[in-house]
Amino acid sequence: MLSGLTDLSRYFRFQTAIGTPPRPALLLRMLCPTGTAFVATRDQTIVGHAMWAWAPGESTAELAAVIAEDDQRRGLGIRMLSIAAADAIAAGATHFLFVVSAANERSLRMIRRRWPDATVERDGALLSFTAPARVMAPSRPASWILAASSRGRRHPVMAGDTK
């Protein structure tokens, strides 16, 4: 999935060039974070990845997602982030951290709309939002996401496909 993203989409997610194909160390961090990783599939192809990982700060979980080009702007990222947020809260997160490029207007709108009380700090081209941990309601249920945590468990959250 990462190799199929535009350079801009990869940059917005990782804030740096990641190469094609991505380095194995990057893939390992995505699939085995200090929290939990989730993938969405369609026809046995990964079309989305979301994760949360413990961040500096008391009970703060960083949330992040990346969605395949053809599946962007359909609500998949929101649904995946909702599942990751709920999992982080269940693990004890009281705050969320989002690190976003100042040029990533879609992600900025999503964060400001769903976490309007988030505080923001700028560091060059990056904006770091910190918000009280709460789950945003997805527009429809996610029925196609698989989770993998740093504790070695892999389990389907629900089964089905992304449509």
N, C-alpha and C. Protein backbone atom coordinates (compact mmCIF):
# COMPACT_ATOMS: atom_id res chain seq x y z
N MET A 1 0.82 -1.18 0.00
CA MET A 1 0.00 0.00 0.00
C MET A 1 0.87 1.26 0.00
N LEU A 2 1.92 1.30 0.80
CA LEU A 2 2.74 2.50 0.88
C LEU A 2 3.39 2.84 -0.45
N SER A 3 3.80 1.82 -1.19
CA SER A 3 4.43 2.07 -2.49
C SER A 3 3.45 2.66 -3.49
N GLY A 4 2.15 2.46 -3.29
CA GLY A 4 1.15 2.99 -4.19
C GLY A 4 0.71 4.41 -3.87
N LEU A 5 1.18 4.95 -2.77
CA LEU A 5 0.82 6.33 -2.40
C LEU A 5 1.63 7.34 -3.21
N THR A 6 1.06 8.51 -3.39
CA THR A 6 1.82 9.58 -4.02
C THR A 6 2.91 10.03 -3.05
N ASP A 7 3.92 10.69 -3.59
CA ASP A 7 4.99 11.21 -2.73
C ASP A 7 4.42 12.16 -1.67
N LEU A 8 3.43 12.96 -2.06
CA LEU A 8 2.83 13.91 -1.12
C LEU A 8 2.11 13.19 0.02
N SER A 9 1.34 12.14 -0.30
CA SER A 9 0.65 11.39 0.75
C SER A 9 1.65 10.74 1.71
N ARG A 10 2.73 10.17 1.16
CA ARG A 10 3.74 9.57 2.04
C ARG A 10 4.40 10.63 2.91
N TYR A 11 4.67 11.79 2.33
CA TYR A 11 5.29 12.86 3.11
C TYR A 11 4.36 13.34 4.21
N PHE A 12 3.08 13.52 3.88
CA PHE A 12 2.14 13.98 4.90
C PHE A 12 2.06 12.99 6.06
N ARG A 13 2.15 11.70 5.80
CA ARG A 13 2.06 10.71 6.88
C ARG A 13 3.35 10.62 7.68
N PHE A 14 4.51 10.61 7.00
CA PHE A 14 5.77 10.33 7.68
C PHE A 14 6.67 11.55 7.88
N GLN A 15 6.30 12.70 7.31
CA GLN A 15 7.05 13.95 7.45
C GLN A 15 8.46 13.86 6.90
N THR A 16 8.72 12.89 6.05
CA THR A 16 10.02 12.72 5.41
C THR A 16 9.84 11.79 4.22
N ALA A 17 10.84 11.75 3.36
CA ALA A 17 10.81 10.78 2.26
C ALA A 17 11.07 9.40 2.86
N ILE A 18 10.28 8.40 2.47
CA ILE A 18 10.44 7.07 3.07
C ILE A 18 11.04 6.07 2.10
N GLY A 19 11.17 6.43 0.84
CA GLY A 19 11.74 5.52 -0.14
C GLY A 19 10.72 4.53 -0.67
N THR A 20 11.04 3.96 -1.81
CA THR A 20 10.18 2.95 -2.43
C THR A 20 11.07 1.77 -2.81
N PRO A 21 10.88 0.63 -2.22
CA PRO A 21 9.92 0.33 -1.16
C PRO A 21 10.41 0.91 0.18
N PRO A 22 9.49 1.04 1.15
CA PRO A 22 9.87 1.57 2.47
C PRO A 22 10.88 0.65 3.16
N ARG A 23 11.71 1.25 4.00
CA ARG A 23 12.71 0.49 4.74
C ARG A 23 12.03 -0.50 5.70
N PRO A 24 12.61 -1.69 5.88
CA PRO A 24 12.03 -2.66 6.81
C PRO A 24 11.85 -2.11 8.23
N ALA A 25 12.76 -1.27 8.70
CA ALA A 25 12.64 -0.72 10.05
C ALA A 25 11.38 0.13 10.19
N LEU A 26 11.03 0.88 9.14
CA LEU A 26 9.80 1.68 9.17
C LEU A 26 8.58 0.77 9.24
N LEU A 27 8.57 -0.27 8.42
CA LEU A 27 7.44 -1.20 8.42
C LEU A 27 7.29 -1.87 9.78
N LEU A 28 8.39 -2.24 10.40
CA LEU A 28 8.34 -2.88 11.72
C LEU A 28 7.72 -1.94 12.75
N ARG A 29 8.11 -0.65 12.73
CA ARG A 29 7.52 0.31 13.68
C ARG A 29 6.03 0.51 13.42
N MET A 30 5.63 0.43 12.16
CA MET A 30 4.21 0.61 11.83
C MET A 30 3.38 -0.58 12.31
N LEU A 31 3.94 -1.77 12.20
CA LEU A 31 3.18 -2.98 12.53
C LEU A 31 3.34 -3.40 13.98
N CYS A 32 4.38 -2.94 14.65
CA CYS A 32 4.61 -3.29 16.05
C CYS A 32 4.92 -2.04 16.86
N PRO A 33 3.97 -1.11 16.95
CA PRO A 33 4.22 0.11 17.72
C PRO A 33 4.18 -0.19 19.22
N THR A 34 4.42 0.83 20.03
CA THR A 34 4.31 0.64 21.48
C THR A 34 2.85 0.60 21.92
N GLY A 35 1.93 0.73 20.99
CA GLY A 35 0.50 0.64 21.26
C GLY A 35 -0.09 -0.47 20.40
N THR A 36 -0.92 -0.09 19.45
CA THR A 36 -1.57 -1.07 18.58
C THR A 36 -1.65 -0.51 17.16
N ALA A 37 -1.51 -1.40 16.19
CA ALA A 37 -1.65 -1.03 14.77
C ALA A 37 -2.86 -1.75 14.20
N PHE A 38 -3.50 -1.10 13.26
CA PHE A 38 -4.69 -1.64 12.60
C PHE A 38 -4.52 -1.51 11.09
N VAL A 39 -4.96 -2.51 10.35
CA VAL A 39 -4.98 -2.40 8.89
C VAL A 39 -6.39 -2.66 8.40
N ALA A 40 -6.74 -1.98 7.32
CA ALA A 40 -8.02 -2.22 6.64
C ALA A 40 -7.68 -2.89 5.32
N THR A 41 -8.46 -3.89 4.95
CA THR A 41 -8.20 -4.61 3.71
C THR A 41 -9.44 -4.64 2.83
N ARG A 42 -9.18 -4.76 1.55
CA ARG A 42 -10.23 -5.02 0.58
C ARG A 42 -9.65 -6.03 -0.39
N ASP A 43 -10.37 -7.12 -0.59
CA ASP A 43 -9.90 -8.18 -1.49
C ASP A 43 -8.46 -8.59 -1.15
N GLN A 44 -8.18 -8.75 0.12
CA GLN A 44 -6.89 -9.18 0.64
C GLN A 44 -5.75 -8.21 0.32
N THR A 45 -6.09 -6.96 0.06
CA THR A 45 -5.10 -5.91 -0.17
C THR A 45 -5.25 -4.86 0.92
N ILE A 46 -4.15 -4.46 1.53
CA ILE A 46 -4.21 -3.43 2.56
C ILE A 46 -4.52 -2.09 1.90
N VAL A 47 -5.55 -1.41 2.41
CA VAL A 47 -5.94 -0.10 1.89
C VAL A 47 -5.86 0.99 2.95
N GLY A 48 -5.58 0.61 4.20
CA GLY A 48 -5.47 1.61 5.25
C GLY A 48 -4.66 1.08 6.42
N HIS A 49 -4.00 1.99 7.12
CA HIS A 49 -3.23 1.66 8.31
C HIS A 49 -3.46 2.78 9.32
N ALA A 50 -3.79 2.41 10.53
CA ALA A 50 -3.89 3.38 11.63
C ALA A 50 -3.18 2.78 12.82
N MET A 51 -2.69 3.64 13.68
CA MET A 51 -1.99 3.15 14.86
C MET A 51 -2.04 4.19 15.96
N TRP A 52 -1.78 3.70 17.15
CA TRP A 52 -1.50 4.60 18.26
C TRP A 52 -0.25 4.07 18.94
N ALA A 53 0.54 4.99 19.49
CA ALA A 53 1.75 4.63 20.21
C ALA A 53 1.91 5.60 21.37
N TRP A 54 2.48 5.12 22.46
CA TRP A 54 2.69 6.01 23.60
C TRP A 54 3.64 7.12 23.22
N ALA A 55 3.29 8.33 23.59
CA ALA A 55 4.08 9.53 23.30
C ALA A 55 4.58 10.10 24.61
N PRO A 56 5.57 11.00 24.55
CA PRO A 56 5.99 11.66 25.79
C PRO A 56 4.82 12.41 26.42
N GLY A 57 4.77 12.40 27.69
CA GLY A 57 3.67 13.05 28.40
C GLY A 57 2.85 11.99 29.10
N GLU A 58 2.26 12.39 30.18
CA GLU A 58 1.51 11.43 30.99
C GLU A 58 0.30 10.91 30.24
N SER A 59 0.26 9.62 30.01
CA SER A 59 -0.88 8.94 29.38
C SER A 59 -1.29 9.55 28.05
N THR A 60 -0.30 9.94 27.24
CA THR A 60 -0.56 10.53 25.92
C THR A 60 -0.27 9.51 24.84
N ALA A 61 -1.24 9.32 23.96
CA ALA A 61 -1.10 8.39 22.83
C ALA A 61 -1.08 9.19 21.53
N GLU A 62 -0.07 8.95 20.71
CA GLU A 62 -0.05 9.58 19.38
C GLU A 62 -0.88 8.73 18.44
N LEU A 63 -1.79 9.36 17.72
CA LEU A 63 -2.63 8.68 16.72
C LEU A 63 -2.15 9.07 15.33
N ALA A 64 -2.17 8.10 14.40
CA ALA A 64 -1.78 8.38 13.02
C ALA A 64 -2.47 7.38 12.10
N ALA A 65 -2.67 7.81 10.86
CA ALA A 65 -3.29 6.93 9.86
C ALA A 65 -2.76 7.28 8.48
N VAL A 66 -2.80 6.30 7.61
CA VAL A 66 -2.49 6.51 6.19
C VAL A 66 -3.45 5.63 5.40
N ILE A 67 -4.02 6.20 4.34
CA ILE A 67 -5.04 5.52 3.55
C ILE A 67 -4.60 5.49 2.09
N ALA A 68 -4.84 4.37 1.42
CA ALA A 68 -4.50 4.24 -0.01
C ALA A 68 -5.17 5.36 -0.80
N GLU A 69 -4.50 5.81 -1.84
CA GLU A 69 -5.00 6.95 -2.64
C GLU A 69 -6.45 6.77 -3.06
N ASP A 70 -6.81 5.62 -3.61
CA ASP A 70 -8.17 5.41 -4.12
C ASP A 70 -9.22 5.35 -3.02
N ASP A 71 -8.79 5.18 -1.77
CA ASP A 71 -9.74 5.07 -0.66
C ASP A 71 -9.79 6.32 0.20
N GLN A 72 -9.03 7.35 -0.16
CA GLN A 72 -9.08 8.60 0.59
C GLN A 72 -10.39 9.33 0.31
N ARG A 73 -10.78 10.16 1.27
CA ARG A 73 -11.98 11.00 1.17
C ARG A 73 -13.27 10.19 1.17
N ARG A 74 -13.25 9.01 1.79
CA ARG A 74 -14.44 8.17 1.90
C ARG A 74 -14.78 7.85 3.34
N GLY A 75 -14.07 8.44 4.28
CA GLY A 75 -14.34 8.20 5.69
C GLY A 75 -13.57 7.05 6.31
N LEU A 76 -12.74 6.37 5.54
CA LEU A 76 -11.99 5.24 6.07
C LEU A 76 -11.01 5.69 7.15
N GLY A 77 -10.31 6.79 6.93
CA GLY A 77 -9.36 7.28 7.93
C GLY A 77 -10.04 7.61 9.25
N ILE A 78 -11.20 8.24 9.18
CA ILE A 78 -11.97 8.57 10.39
C ILE A 78 -12.36 7.30 11.13
N ARG A 79 -12.85 6.31 10.39
CA ARG A 79 -13.26 5.06 11.03
C ARG A 79 -12.08 4.37 11.68
N MET A 80 -10.95 4.35 10.98
CA MET A 80 -9.77 3.69 11.55
C MET A 80 -9.24 4.44 12.77
N LEU A 81 -9.21 5.77 12.69
CA LEU A 81 -8.75 6.55 13.85
C LEU A 81 -9.70 6.38 15.03
N SER A 82 -10.99 6.22 14.78
CA SER A 82 -11.95 5.99 15.87
C SER A 82 -11.63 4.69 16.60
N ILE A 83 -11.31 3.66 15.86
CA ILE A 83 -10.97 2.37 16.47
C ILE A 83 -9.66 2.48 17.23
N ALA A 84 -8.66 3.13 16.64
CA ALA A 84 -7.38 3.31 17.32
C ALA A 84 -7.56 4.14 18.59
N ALA A 85 -8.38 5.19 18.52
CA ALA A 85 -8.63 6.04 19.69
C ALA A 85 -9.29 5.25 20.81
N ALA A 86 -10.28 4.46 20.48
CA ALA A 86 -10.97 3.65 21.50
C ALA A 86 -10.00 2.67 22.15
N ASP A 87 -9.13 2.07 21.35
CA ASP A 87 -8.15 1.12 21.88
C ASP A 87 -7.15 1.83 22.80
N ALA A 88 -6.71 3.03 22.41
CA ALA A 88 -5.77 3.79 23.24
C ALA A 88 -6.41 4.18 24.57
N ILE A 89 -7.66 4.59 24.53
CA ILE A 89 -8.38 4.94 25.76
C ILE A 89 -8.49 3.72 26.66
N ALA A 90 -8.81 2.57 26.08
CA ALA A 90 -8.92 1.33 26.86
C ALA A 90 -7.58 0.97 27.51
N ALA A 91 -6.47 1.37 26.88
CA ALA A 91 -5.15 1.09 27.43
C ALA A 91 -4.71 2.14 28.45
N GLY A 92 -5.51 3.20 28.63
CA GLY A 92 -5.21 4.19 29.64
C GLY A 92 -4.86 5.58 29.14
N ALA A 93 -4.97 5.83 27.85
CA ALA A 93 -4.66 7.16 27.33
C ALA A 93 -5.69 8.18 27.81
N THR A 94 -5.20 9.32 28.24
CA THR A 94 -6.09 10.42 28.64
C THR A 94 -5.96 11.60 27.68
N HIS A 95 -4.92 11.59 26.85
CA HIS A 95 -4.71 12.64 25.85
C HIS A 95 -4.23 12.01 24.55
N PHE A 96 -4.54 12.69 23.45
CA PHE A 96 -4.06 12.27 22.13
C PHE A 96 -3.11 13.33 21.60
N LEU A 97 -2.13 12.87 20.83
CA LEU A 97 -1.19 13.74 20.12
C LEU A 97 -1.32 13.44 18.64
N PHE A 98 -1.43 14.50 17.84
CA PHE A 98 -1.44 14.39 16.38
C PHE A 98 -0.32 15.29 15.87
N VAL A 99 0.61 14.76 15.10
CA VAL A 99 1.68 15.56 14.50
C VAL A 99 1.39 15.61 13.01
N VAL A 100 1.14 16.83 12.50
CA VAL A 100 0.62 17.00 11.15
C VAL A 100 1.40 18.10 10.43
N SER A 101 1.65 17.90 9.15
CA SER A 101 2.24 18.95 8.33
C SER A 101 1.28 20.13 8.26
N ALA A 102 1.80 21.33 8.37
CA ALA A 102 0.96 22.52 8.26
C ALA A 102 0.31 22.62 6.88
N ALA A 103 0.83 21.91 5.90
CA ALA A 103 0.26 21.92 4.54
C ALA A 103 -0.82 20.86 4.34
N ASN A 104 -1.02 19.98 5.31
CA ASN A 104 -1.99 18.89 5.17
C ASN A 104 -3.38 19.37 5.60
N GLU A 105 -4.02 20.11 4.71
CA GLU A 105 -5.29 20.77 5.04
C GLU A 105 -6.40 19.79 5.43
N ARG A 106 -6.49 18.65 4.77
CA ARG A 106 -7.56 17.69 5.11
C ARG A 106 -7.41 17.17 6.53
N SER A 107 -6.19 16.80 6.90
CA SER A 107 -5.98 16.31 8.27
C SER A 107 -6.20 17.41 9.29
N LEU A 108 -5.77 18.61 8.98
CA LEU A 108 -5.98 19.73 9.91
C LEU A 108 -7.46 19.98 10.13
N ARG A 109 -8.25 19.96 9.05
CA ARG A 109 -9.70 20.16 9.19
C ARG A 109 -10.32 19.06 10.04
N MET A 110 -9.90 17.82 9.79
CA MET A 110 -10.45 16.68 10.54
C MET A 110 -10.16 16.83 12.04
N ILE A 111 -8.94 17.16 12.38
CA ILE A 111 -8.58 17.30 13.79
C ILE A 111 -9.35 18.45 14.43
N ARG A 112 -9.38 19.59 13.77
CA ARG A 112 -10.07 20.75 14.34
C ARG A 112 -11.57 20.53 14.47
N ARG A 113 -12.14 19.76 13.55
CA ARG A 113 -13.58 19.48 13.60
C ARG A 113 -13.91 18.49 14.71
N ARG A 114 -13.09 17.46 14.88
CA ARG A 114 -13.41 16.40 15.82
C ARG A 114 -12.84 16.62 17.22
N TRP A 115 -11.78 17.40 17.33
CA TRP A 115 -11.19 17.74 18.63
C TRP A 115 -11.02 19.26 18.70
N PRO A 116 -12.13 20.01 18.74
CA PRO A 116 -12.03 21.47 18.70
C PRO A 116 -11.31 22.07 19.91
N ASP A 117 -11.21 21.32 20.99
CA ASP A 117 -10.54 21.83 22.19
C ASP A 117 -9.05 21.49 22.22
N ALA A 118 -8.51 20.96 21.12
CA ALA A 118 -7.09 20.61 21.06
C ALA A 118 -6.23 21.88 21.09
N THR A 119 -5.12 21.78 21.80
CA THR A 119 -4.13 22.86 21.77
C THR A 119 -3.12 22.52 20.67
N VAL A 120 -2.50 23.54 20.11
CA VAL A 120 -1.57 23.31 19.00
C VAL A 120 -0.28 24.08 19.23
N GLU A 121 0.83 23.43 18.89
CA GLU A 121 2.15 24.06 18.92
C GLU A 121 2.77 23.87 17.55
N ARG A 122 3.44 24.90 17.06
CA ARG A 122 4.09 24.83 15.75
C ARG A 122 5.59 24.61 15.95
N ASP A 123 6.15 23.72 15.14
CA ASP A 123 7.58 23.48 15.10
C ASP A 123 7.97 23.44 13.63
N GLY A 124 8.33 24.58 13.08
CA GLY A 124 8.64 24.66 11.66
C GLY A 124 7.40 24.35 10.84
N ALA A 125 7.50 23.35 9.97
CA ALA A 125 6.38 22.98 9.10
C ALA A 125 5.41 22.01 9.77
N LEU A 126 5.67 21.64 11.01
CA LEU A 126 4.82 20.67 11.71
C LEU A 126 3.96 21.35 12.77
N LEU A 127 2.74 20.85 12.90
CA LEU A 127 1.83 21.27 13.96
C LEU A 127 1.58 20.06 14.85
N SER A 128 1.73 20.25 16.15
CA SER A 128 1.46 19.18 17.12
C SER A 128 0.21 19.57 17.91
N PHE A 129 -0.83 18.76 17.74
CA PHE A 129 -2.10 18.98 18.44
C PHE A 129 -2.15 18.03 19.62
N THR A 130 -2.55 18.53 20.79
CA THR A 130 -2.80 17.69 21.96
C THR A 130 -4.25 17.92 22.36
N ALA A 131 -4.97 16.81 22.52
CA ALA A 131 -6.40 16.90 22.82
C ALA A 131 -6.77 15.91 23.90
N PRO A 132 -7.80 16.22 24.69
CA PRO A 132 -8.31 15.22 25.64
C PRO A 132 -8.75 13.97 24.86
N ALA A 133 -8.45 12.82 25.40
CA ALA A 133 -8.78 11.57 24.72
C ALA A 133 -10.28 11.33 24.75
N ARG A 134 -10.85 11.23 23.58
CA ARG A 134 -12.24 10.82 23.45
C ARG A 134 -12.41 10.25 22.06
N VAL A 135 -13.37 9.37 21.93
CA VAL A 135 -13.60 8.70 20.65
C VAL A 135 -14.57 9.53 19.84
N MET A 136 -14.20 9.78 18.60
CA MET A 136 -15.12 10.45 17.68
C MET A 136 -15.98 9.38 17.06
N ALA A 137 -17.20 9.68 16.78
CA ALA A 137 -18.12 8.69 16.21
C ALA A 137 -17.86 8.54 14.72
N PRO A 138 -17.55 7.32 14.27
CA PRO A 138 -17.40 7.12 12.82
C PRO A 138 -18.76 7.20 12.14
N SER A 139 -18.74 7.54 10.86
CA SER A 139 -20.00 7.69 10.14
C SER A 139 -20.69 6.36 9.89
N ARG A 140 -19.92 5.28 9.85
CA ARG A 140 -20.50 3.95 9.72
C ARG A 140 -19.53 2.95 10.34
N PRO A 141 -20.00 1.77 10.69
CA PRO A 141 -19.13 0.83 11.39
C PRO A 141 -17.99 0.34 10.52
N ALA A 142 -16.87 0.10 11.17
CA ALA A 142 -15.72 -0.48 10.49
C ALA A 142 -15.84 -1.99 10.59
N SER A 143 -15.81 -2.65 9.45
CA SER A 143 -16.05 -4.09 9.47
C SER A 143 -14.93 -4.87 8.80
N TRP A 144 -13.74 -4.30 8.74
CA TRP A 144 -12.69 -4.89 7.92
C TRP A 144 -11.32 -4.62 8.46
N ILE A 145 -11.19 -4.45 9.76
CA ILE A 145 -9.93 -4.00 10.31
C ILE A 145 -9.30 -5.09 11.18
N LEU A 146 -8.00 -5.26 11.03
CA LEU A 146 -7.23 -6.23 11.80
C LEU A 146 -6.28 -5.46 12.69
N ALA A 147 -6.13 -5.89 13.93
CA ALA A 147 -5.24 -5.20 14.87
C ALA A 147 -4.03 -6.05 15.19
N ALA A 148 -2.91 -5.39 15.41
CA ALA A 148 -1.69 -6.05 15.88
C ALA A 148 -1.06 -5.14 16.92
N SER A 149 -0.75 -5.66 18.09
CA SER A 149 -0.20 -4.81 19.14
C SER A 149 1.24 -5.18 19.41
N SER A 150 1.91 -4.33 20.19
CA SER A 150 3.29 -4.59 20.56
C SER A 150 3.39 -5.79 21.49
N ARG A 151 2.28 -6.22 22.04
CA ARG A 151 2.28 -7.37 22.94
C ARG A 151 2.17 -8.68 22.16
N GLY A 152 2.21 -8.58 20.83
CA GLY A 152 2.23 -9.78 20.01
C GLY A 152 0.88 -10.33 19.63
N ARG A 153 -0.21 -9.73 20.09
CA ARG A 153 -1.52 -10.27 19.74
C ARG A 153 -1.94 -9.74 18.38
N ARG A 154 -2.61 -10.58 17.64
CA ARG A 154 -3.22 -10.18 16.37
C ARG A 154 -4.64 -10.67 16.44
N HIS A 155 -5.56 -9.79 16.19
CA HIS A 155 -6.94 -10.22 16.24
C HIS A 155 -7.77 -9.36 15.30
N PRO A 156 -8.77 -9.96 14.69
CA PRO A 156 -9.66 -9.13 13.88
C PRO A 156 -10.54 -8.31 14.80
N VAL A 157 -10.66 -7.04 14.49
CA VAL A 157 -11.60 -6.21 15.23
C VAL A 157 -12.99 -6.57 14.77
N MET A 158 -13.17 -6.69 13.48
CA MET A 158 -14.40 -7.16 12.85
C MET A 158 -13.98 -7.72 11.49
N ALA A 159 -14.82 -8.50 10.88
CA ALA A 159 -14.46 -9.08 9.59
C ALA A 159 -15.41 -8.57 8.51
N GLY A 160 -14.95 -8.53 7.28
CA GLY A 160 -15.78 -8.07 6.17
C GLY A 160 -14.94 -7.33 5.16
N ASP A 161 -15.53 -6.37 4.45
CA ASP A 161 -14.72 -5.58 3.54
C ASP A 161 -15.03 -4.11 3.69
N THR A 162 -14.25 -3.25 3.04
CA THR A 162 -14.30 -1.81 3.28
C THR A 162 -15.46 -1.11 2.62
N LYS A 163 -16.25 -1.76 1.81
CA LYS A 163 -17.31 -1.06 1.10
C LYS A 163 -18.52 -0.82 1.94
